Amino acid sequence: MLDHQQTMHLIKQAQSGDEHAKETLLEHNAPLLKSIVRHYTGKNVEYDDLFQIACVGFLKAIKNFDTNFNVRFSTYAVPMISGELKRFMRDDGFIKVSRATKQLSAKISAFVDNCKKQNLAEPSVKQIAEKFGISPQEVIFAMESAQMPISIYEKADENDEKSQCMLDKMCAEDKTDDMIDKIMLYAIIDKLTEREKKIIILRYFRDKTQSEIATHLGVSQVQVSRLESKILDKMRKYFNE
């Protein structure tokens, strides 16, 4: 694995036309590309074709990356690669969620609805994961794919005040797929207005109630509730662009 300094050096060489530097960067980042490609499935689209599209996005990221920015290259590259794949699949009418993910989403949806009726409350990500014998990350991906209203900002264990939110927990495990989710999430948040960012950060990163946010912003709790709903819808649309 290349360290940050080696990566920056190779990017500068690649931007100067060094083909060997490009090949080296591609070779060392192949696991990252493969992890991103696995998020997409398409009828009559071969894996190798998707991987080649991912490579196109990766090379564009190399070309456009500013080495003077104090940011990891992967943070810049992941949205670029994902965007290239989404454009390809959308333009060709191929984009879809896998059958297995659809089936899991349907089962989770039924379970959530049942919990609401019986307990008058939604189950946590941890409870859903335990119910279906899967990881919290798989729960999140299935629910995001179906645009179900549960957030990766939710605490891993709502009964533990010191528990990390799901996003932080995933990043701490340092898995490539989780890193991708984190990067894509931050890229989406960065598209929000300053007021929208403040609401999301206070609500989900600092665990503030809607009433506390309302006091902070000088508006009513009802207004915060409506704003939060609109912001989350906006984020889901960005996620599916």
Protein backbone atom coordinates (compact mmCIF):
# COMPACT_ATOMS: atom_id res chain seq x y z
CA MET A 1 0.00 0.00 0.00
CA LEU A 2 1.31 3.42 -0.97
CA ASP A 3 1.61 6.04 1.76
CA HIS A 4 0.37 9.61 1.28
CA GLN A 5 3.76 11.00 0.23
CA GLN A 6 4.32 8.25 -2.35
CA THR A 7 0.82 8.76 -3.73
CA MET A 8 1.32 12.52 -4.11
CA HIS A 9 4.66 11.95 -5.86
CA LEU A 10 3.13 9.48 -8.32
CA ILE A 11 0.17 11.77 -9.01
CA LYS A 12 2.51 14.63 -9.90
CA GLN A 13 4.42 12.32 -12.24
CA ALA A 14 1.20 11.03 -13.79
CA GLN A 15 -0.06 14.58 -14.35
CA SER A 16 3.20 15.25 -16.19
CA GLY A 17 2.46 12.40 -18.59
CA ASP A 18 4.26 9.50 -16.89
CA GLU A 19 2.26 6.42 -17.95
CA HIS A 20 4.18 4.14 -15.60
CA ALA A 21 3.11 6.32 -12.66
CA LYS A 22 -0.54 5.99 -13.74
CA GLU A 23 -0.20 2.21 -13.97
CA THR A 24 1.40 2.06 -10.53
CA LEU A 25 -1.42 4.10 -9.01
CA LEU A 26 -4.02 1.90 -10.70
CA GLU A 27 -2.32 -1.27 -9.53
CA HIS A 28 -2.12 -0.17 -5.90
CA ASN A 29 -5.68 1.18 -5.88
CA ALA A 30 -7.27 -1.84 -7.57
CA PRO A 31 -8.86 -3.06 -4.28
CA LEU A 32 -10.52 0.34 -3.86
CA LEU A 33 -11.87 0.25 -7.43
CA LYS A 34 -13.18 -3.31 -6.99
CA SER A 35 -14.95 -2.34 -3.77
CA ILE A 36 -16.71 0.54 -5.51
CA VAL A 37 -17.69 -1.60 -8.50
CA ARG A 38 -19.30 -4.16 -6.17
CA HIS A 39 -21.84 -1.50 -5.19
CA TYR A 40 -23.28 -1.61 -8.71
CA THR A 41 -25.02 -4.33 -10.70
CA GLY A 42 -26.39 -4.16 -14.21
CA LYS A 43 -28.26 -6.41 -16.59
CA ASN A 44 -26.03 -7.44 -19.50
CA VAL A 45 -23.13 -5.47 -18.02
CA GLU A 46 -19.99 -7.47 -17.37
CA TYR A 47 -17.94 -6.88 -14.23
CA ASP A 48 -14.87 -6.18 -16.37
CA ASP A 49 -16.77 -3.44 -18.21
CA LEU A 50 -17.75 -1.80 -14.94
CA PHE A 51 -14.17 -2.05 -13.71
CA GLN A 52 -12.95 -0.31 -16.87
CA ILE A 53 -15.46 2.50 -16.30
CA ALA A 54 -14.18 2.79 -12.73
CA CYS A 55 -10.65 3.07 -14.11
CA VAL A 56 -11.78 5.93 -16.35
CA GLY A 57 -13.12 7.75 -13.29
CA PHE A 58 -9.91 7.01 -11.40
CA LEU A 59 -7.75 8.45 -14.19
CA LYS A 60 -9.95 11.56 -14.30
CA ALA A 61 -9.42 11.92 -10.56
CA ILE A 62 -5.64 11.75 -11.07
CA LYS A 63 -5.80 14.37 -13.81
CA ASN A 64 -7.93 16.83 -11.83
CA PHE A 65 -6.54 16.31 -8.32
CA ASP A 66 -4.77 19.29 -6.75
CA THR A 67 -1.81 17.98 -4.75
CA ASN A 68 -1.71 21.26 -2.82
CA PHE A 69 -4.99 20.41 -1.10
CA ASN A 70 -4.61 18.94 2.37
CA VAL A 71 -6.80 15.92 1.62
CA ARG A 72 -6.26 12.25 0.93
CA PHE A 73 -6.46 11.33 -2.74
CA SER A 74 -8.98 8.56 -2.03
CA THR A 75 -11.33 11.15 -0.49
CA TYR A 76 -11.36 12.96 -3.83
CA ALA A 77 -11.29 9.86 -6.04
CA VAL A 78 -14.21 7.86 -4.62
CA PRO A 79 -17.01 10.31 -5.58
CA MET A 80 -15.34 10.76 -8.99
CA ILE A 81 -15.29 7.01 -9.65
CA SER A 82 -18.83 6.49 -8.35
CA GLY A 83 -20.08 9.37 -10.48
CA GLU A 84 -18.55 7.84 -13.59
CA LEU A 85 -20.22 4.49 -12.89
CA LYS A 86 -23.59 6.08 -12.14
CA ARG A 87 -23.51 8.14 -15.34
CA PHE A 88 -22.64 5.10 -17.41
CA MET A 89 -25.36 2.92 -15.92
CA ARG A 90 -28.00 5.66 -15.89
CA ASP A 91 -27.33 6.69 -19.49
CA ASP A 92 -27.52 3.07 -20.63
CA GLY A 93 -30.56 2.22 -18.52
CA PHE A 94 -28.74 -0.44 -16.55
CA ILE A 95 -28.77 0.85 -13.01
CA LYS A 96 -30.62 -1.31 -10.48
CA VAL A 97 -30.36 -2.73 -7.00
CA SER A 98 -29.45 -6.41 -6.79
CA ARG A 99 -32.26 -8.92 -6.19
CA ALA A 100 -30.74 -10.02 -2.88
CA THR A 101 -30.62 -6.42 -1.65
CA LYS A 102 -34.23 -5.84 -2.73
CA GLN A 103 -35.36 -8.96 -0.87
CA LEU A 104 -33.46 -7.95 2.25
CA SER A 105 -34.88 -4.42 2.06
CA ALA A 106 -38.42 -5.82 1.84
CA LYS A 107 -37.87 -8.06 4.87
CA ILE A 108 -36.37 -5.21 6.88
CA SER A 109 -39.23 -2.91 5.89
CA ALA A 110 -41.79 -5.47 7.08
CA PHE A 111 -39.90 -5.92 10.35
CA VAL A 112 -39.70 -2.15 10.94
CA ASP A 113 -43.42 -1.73 10.25
CA ASN A 114 -44.25 -4.57 12.63
CA CYS A 115 -42.10 -3.04 15.38
CA LYS A 116 -43.83 0.30 14.93
CA LYS A 117 -47.25 -1.34 15.35
CA GLN A 118 -46.27 -3.45 18.36
CA ASN A 119 -43.83 -1.16 20.15
CA LEU A 120 -44.79 2.24 18.73
CA ALA A 121 -41.10 2.78 17.95
CA GLU A 122 -38.65 2.02 15.17
CA PRO A 123 -35.98 -0.64 15.86
CA SER A 124 -32.35 0.45 15.93
CA VAL A 125 -29.82 -0.62 13.30
CA LYS A 126 -28.29 -2.96 15.87
CA GLN A 127 -31.66 -4.62 16.56
CA ILE A 128 -32.30 -5.12 12.84
CA ALA A 129 -28.83 -6.59 12.33
CA GLU A 130 -29.38 -9.05 15.18
CA LYS A 131 -32.81 -10.00 13.85
CA PHE A 132 -31.49 -10.94 10.40
CA GLY A 133 -28.05 -12.16 11.45
CA ILE A 134 -26.19 -9.62 9.32
CA SER A 135 -23.76 -6.78 9.98
CA PRO A 136 -24.94 -3.21 10.70
CA GLN A 137 -23.21 -2.17 7.47
CA GLU A 138 -25.39 -4.58 5.46
CA VAL A 139 -28.49 -3.19 7.15
CA ILE A 140 -27.49 0.35 6.26
CA PHE A 141 -26.69 -0.45 2.63
CA ALA A 142 -30.01 -2.30 2.17
CA MET A 143 -32.01 0.53 3.73
CA GLU A 144 -30.18 3.28 1.84
CA SER A 145 -30.77 1.35 -1.40
CA ALA A 146 -34.49 1.31 -0.68
CA GLN A 147 -34.40 4.91 0.63
CA MET A 148 -35.79 3.75 3.97
CA PRO A 149 -35.78 6.43 6.69
CA ILE A 150 -32.94 5.26 8.91
CA SER A 151 -29.66 7.07 9.20
CA ILE A 152 -26.05 5.94 9.27
CA TYR A 153 -25.60 8.68 11.85
CA GLU A 154 -27.63 6.63 14.33
CA LYS A 155 -25.81 5.39 17.42
CA ALA A 156 -24.70 1.77 17.23
CA ASP A 157 -26.24 1.17 20.68
CA GLU A 158 -28.89 3.68 21.64
CA ASN A 159 -28.79 2.49 25.27
CA ASP A 160 -25.11 3.34 25.62
CA GLU A 161 -24.39 7.07 25.97
CA LYS A 162 -20.75 6.51 24.98
CA SER A 163 -21.68 4.52 21.89
CA GLN A 164 -20.36 5.83 18.57
CA CYS A 165 -22.73 6.72 15.79
CA MET A 166 -22.89 4.11 13.04
CA LEU A 167 -20.75 6.24 10.73
CA ASP A 168 -17.90 6.53 13.23
CA LYS A 169 -18.14 2.84 14.11
CA MET A 170 -17.85 1.83 10.48
CA CYS A 171 -14.87 4.09 9.87
CA ALA A 172 -13.11 2.83 13.00
CA GLU A 173 -13.22 -0.70 11.59
CA ASP A 174 -11.14 0.60 8.68
CA LYS A 175 -12.73 -1.50 5.95
CA THR A 176 -12.55 -0.27 2.38
CA ASP A 177 -16.32 -0.42 1.79
CA ASP A 178 -16.95 1.51 4.99
CA MET A 179 -14.39 4.14 4.04
CA ILE A 180 -16.21 4.54 0.71
CA ASP A 181 -19.53 5.08 2.52
CA LYS A 182 -17.93 7.70 4.75
CA ILE A 183 -16.34 9.57 1.85
CA MET A 184 -19.56 9.56 -0.18
CA LEU A 185 -21.50 10.81 2.84
CA TYR A 186 -19.14 13.72 3.46
CA ALA A 187 -19.26 14.59 -0.25
CA ILE A 188 -23.06 14.80 0.00
CA ILE A 189 -23.00 16.90 3.18
CA ASP A 190 -20.58 19.29 1.49
CA LYS A 191 -23.30 20.09 -1.10
CA LEU A 192 -25.68 21.39 1.57
CA THR A 193 -26.09 25.04 2.50
CA GLU A 194 -24.40 26.29 5.67
CA ARG A 195 -27.71 26.25 7.56
CA GLU A 196 -28.50 22.73 6.38
CA LYS A 197 -25.03 21.53 7.38
CA LYS A 198 -25.47 23.05 10.84
CA ILE A 199 -28.79 21.25 11.38
CA ILE A 200 -27.41 17.88 10.24
CA ILE A 201 -24.24 18.21 12.33
CA LEU A 202 -26.14 19.25 15.47
CA ARG A 203 -28.84 16.63 15.02
CA TYR A 204 -26.81 13.59 14.03
CA PHE A 205 -23.19 14.23 14.94
CA ARG A 206 -23.76 16.04 18.25
CA ASP A 207 -26.98 14.23 19.16
CA LYS A 208 -29.01 17.39 19.78
CA THR A 209 -32.80 17.23 19.99
CA GLN A 210 -34.98 19.19 17.58
CA SER A 211 -36.00 21.46 20.47
CA GLU A 212 -32.37 22.20 21.32
CA ILE A 213 -31.61 23.00 17.68
CA ALA A 214 -34.71 25.21 17.50
CA THR A 215 -33.46 27.23 20.48
CA HIS A 216 -30.01 27.49 18.90
CA LEU A 217 -31.42 28.73 15.58
CA GLY A 218 -34.18 30.87 17.06
CA VAL A 219 -37.02 29.00 15.34
CA SER A 220 -39.75 26.59 16.44
CA GLN A 221 -39.33 22.83 16.91
CA VAL A 222 -41.91 22.26 14.15
CA GLN A 223 -39.81 24.31 11.72
CA VAL A 224 -36.71 22.27 12.59
CA SER A 225 -38.66 19.04 12.03
CA ARG A 226 -39.77 20.20 8.59
CA LEU A 227 -36.29 21.43 7.69
CA GLU A 228 -34.70 18.17 8.80
CA SER A 229 -37.12 16.16 6.67
CA LYS A 230 -36.39 18.31 3.61
CA ILE A 231 -32.63 18.06 4.16
CA LEU A 232 -32.71 14.26 4.44
CA ASP A 233 -34.78 14.05 1.24
CA LYS A 234 -32.24 16.31 -0.45
CA MET A 235 -29.38 14.09 0.73
CA ARG A 236 -31.12 10.96 -0.58
CA LYS A 237 -31.51 12.63 -3.99
CA TYR A 238 -27.82 13.53 -4.03
CA PHE A 239 -27.00 9.94 -3.07
CA ASN A 240 -28.96 8.62 -6.08
CA GLU A 241 -27.66 11.14 -8.64
